[in-house]
Every structure is written in C-alpha cells, then in structure tokens.
C-alpha cells in the first residue's frame, strides 16, 4: 500500500505590525464597590438630601414696575418719558424711593 500524504495546515502569512500596535493593553477589571465604600456613599447622598431640604428658600424677588410712578402714574421709562415727561417736566426716577418719580418723593 502506498503511504498517504499528511494534509498540511494552511498558515496565514502574518502582516507586519508595528511594535506599538502589537502590545495589547491589559483589560480593565471592574469590581464591585466594597461594603464600606457603599456605606460611605449612601451617607454622602443622604447628607446632600438633608442639606437641600434644610436650605433656606430664597424669596421670589418682587419686580417693581419702574416703567411708571406708583402715585401719579407718570412714565419713567420708554418713549413717553424720553419725549414728554423727561424734557418738559424734568421728571426722573427717584433715587430715594424705588418706583416713584422725583416729584412724588
């Protein structure tokens, strides 16, 4: 009987790769936080919640309409003030009382 030839395994030719690319980075191992770390984290979160709950509530700033005087309703801003009230009557916004003109102080 004739001897059989062994089948050769096909070997792929290796492409040239630079040394930097051939070095593989070590896999990052993600592990669960320890019991102690979780406990500390829970305490921090709870402290933040308490701090937010106890924080003083800022009062909403009441916008004073400075467009007209509170008493005499003379315009203090806009076209009416620039054309009429300002030049003719010398009316300006009061420095002492906000929302009033200089005549109604």
Protein backbone atom coordinates (compact mmCIF):
# COMPACT_ATOMS: atom_id res chain seq x y z
CA UNK A 1 0.00 0.00 0.00
CA UNK A 2 1.05 3.48 -0.80
CA UNK A 3 1.66 5.90 2.02
CA UNK A 4 -0.79 8.75 2.35
CA UNK A 5 0.49 12.25 2.47
CA UNK A 6 -0.48 14.22 5.54
CA UNK A 7 -2.62 17.27 4.80
CA UNK A 8 -0.77 20.46 5.54
CA UNK A 9 -2.43 23.12 7.63
CA UNK A 10 -2.81 26.41 5.86
CA UNK A 11 -0.81 29.05 7.64
CA UNK A 12 -1.80 32.63 7.05
CA UNK A 13 1.02 34.97 6.41
CA UNK A 14 1.47 37.43 9.24
CA UNK A 15 1.23 41.06 8.27
CA UNK A 16 3.89 43.37 9.52
CA UNK A 17 2.61 45.20 12.54
CA UNK A 18 4.41 47.94 14.37
CA UNK A 19 5.54 47.10 17.87
CA UNK A 20 3.22 49.64 19.47
CA UNK A 21 0.11 48.12 17.94
CA UNK A 22 1.09 44.58 18.78
CA UNK A 23 1.23 45.33 22.51
CA UNK A 24 -2.22 44.77 23.93
CA UNK A 25 -3.45 46.81 26.84
CA UNK A 26 -4.31 44.94 29.99
CA UNK A 27 -8.07 44.52 30.39
CA UNK A 28 -9.65 46.85 32.92
CA UNK A 29 -11.12 44.84 35.74
CA UNK A 30 -14.29 46.40 37.06
CA UNK A 31 -15.10 45.25 40.50
CA UNK A 32 -17.97 45.97 42.77
CA UNK A 33 -17.57 48.55 45.49
CA UNK A 34 -16.79 47.17 48.89
CA UNK A 35 -19.41 47.23 51.60
CA UNK A 36 -17.56 50.04 53.36
CA UNK A 37 -17.40 52.16 50.18
CA UNK A 38 -21.12 51.67 49.52
CA UNK A 39 -21.95 52.67 53.10
CA UNK A 40 -19.87 55.85 52.84
CA UNK A 41 -21.51 56.69 49.50
CA UNK A 42 -25.00 56.25 50.98
CA UNK A 43 -24.12 58.57 53.86
CA UNK A 44 -22.85 61.24 51.47
CA UNK A 45 -26.03 61.07 49.37
CA UNK A 46 -28.22 61.24 52.49
CA UNK A 47 -26.27 64.24 53.79
CA UNK A 48 -26.75 66.04 50.46
CA UNK A 49 -30.51 65.39 50.62
CA UNK A 50 -30.77 66.76 54.17
CA UNK A 51 -28.71 69.80 53.22
CA UNK A 52 -31.02 70.55 50.28
CA UNK A 53 -34.15 70.11 52.40
CA UNK A 54 -32.90 72.40 55.16
CA UNK A 55 -31.58 75.05 52.78
CA UNK A 56 -33.41 78.35 53.21
CA UNK A 57 -35.82 79.06 50.40
CA UNK A 58 -34.93 82.21 48.57
CA UNK A 59 -37.92 84.56 48.42
CA UNK A 60 -39.05 85.37 44.95
CA UNK A 61 -37.92 88.84 44.12
CA UNK A 62 -40.93 91.07 43.65
CA UNK A 63 -40.40 93.01 40.49
CA UNK A 64 -41.22 96.65 40.96
CA UNK A 65 -42.58 98.10 37.80
CA UNK A 66 -40.32 101.07 37.20
CA UNK A 67 -42.00 101.94 33.93
CA UNK A 68 -44.48 104.31 35.69
CA UNK A 69 -44.64 106.14 39.01
CA UNK A 70 -46.68 104.38 41.73
CA UNK A 71 -48.59 107.52 42.80
CA UNK A 72 -49.03 109.75 39.78
CA UNK A 73 -48.51 107.13 37.02
CA UNK A 74 -46.11 109.35 35.07
CA UNK A 75 -43.99 107.31 32.65
CA UNK A 76 -40.42 106.81 33.91
CA UNK A 77 -39.21 104.59 31.07
CA UNK A 78 -39.83 104.33 27.39
CA UNK A 79 -40.95 106.77 24.71
CA UNK A 80 -43.37 108.69 26.98
CA UNK A 81 -40.58 109.55 29.39
CA UNK A 82 -37.99 110.39 26.74
CA UNK A 83 -40.29 112.65 24.68
CA UNK A 84 -42.68 114.21 27.20
CA UNK A 85 -42.10 113.68 30.93
CA UNK A 86 -38.31 113.94 30.95
CA UNK A 87 -37.54 117.03 28.87
CA UNK A 88 -40.69 119.12 29.53
CA UNK A 89 -41.42 118.44 33.21
CA UNK A 90 -37.97 117.32 34.43
CA UNK A 91 -39.39 114.12 35.88
CA UNK A 92 -36.87 111.40 36.68
CA UNK A 93 -36.97 108.14 38.66
CA UNK A 94 -36.50 108.84 42.37
CA UNK A 95 -33.19 107.86 43.96
CA UNK A 96 -34.69 107.62 47.46
CA UNK A 97 -37.89 105.66 46.77
CA UNK A 98 -37.94 102.98 44.11
CA UNK A 99 -40.96 103.03 41.85
CA UNK A 100 -41.65 106.74 42.38
CA UNK A 101 -40.75 109.86 40.42
CA UNK A 102 -38.69 112.74 41.83
CA UNK A 103 -41.86 114.86 42.26
CA UNK A 104 -43.69 112.25 44.42
CA UNK A 105 -40.82 111.57 46.84
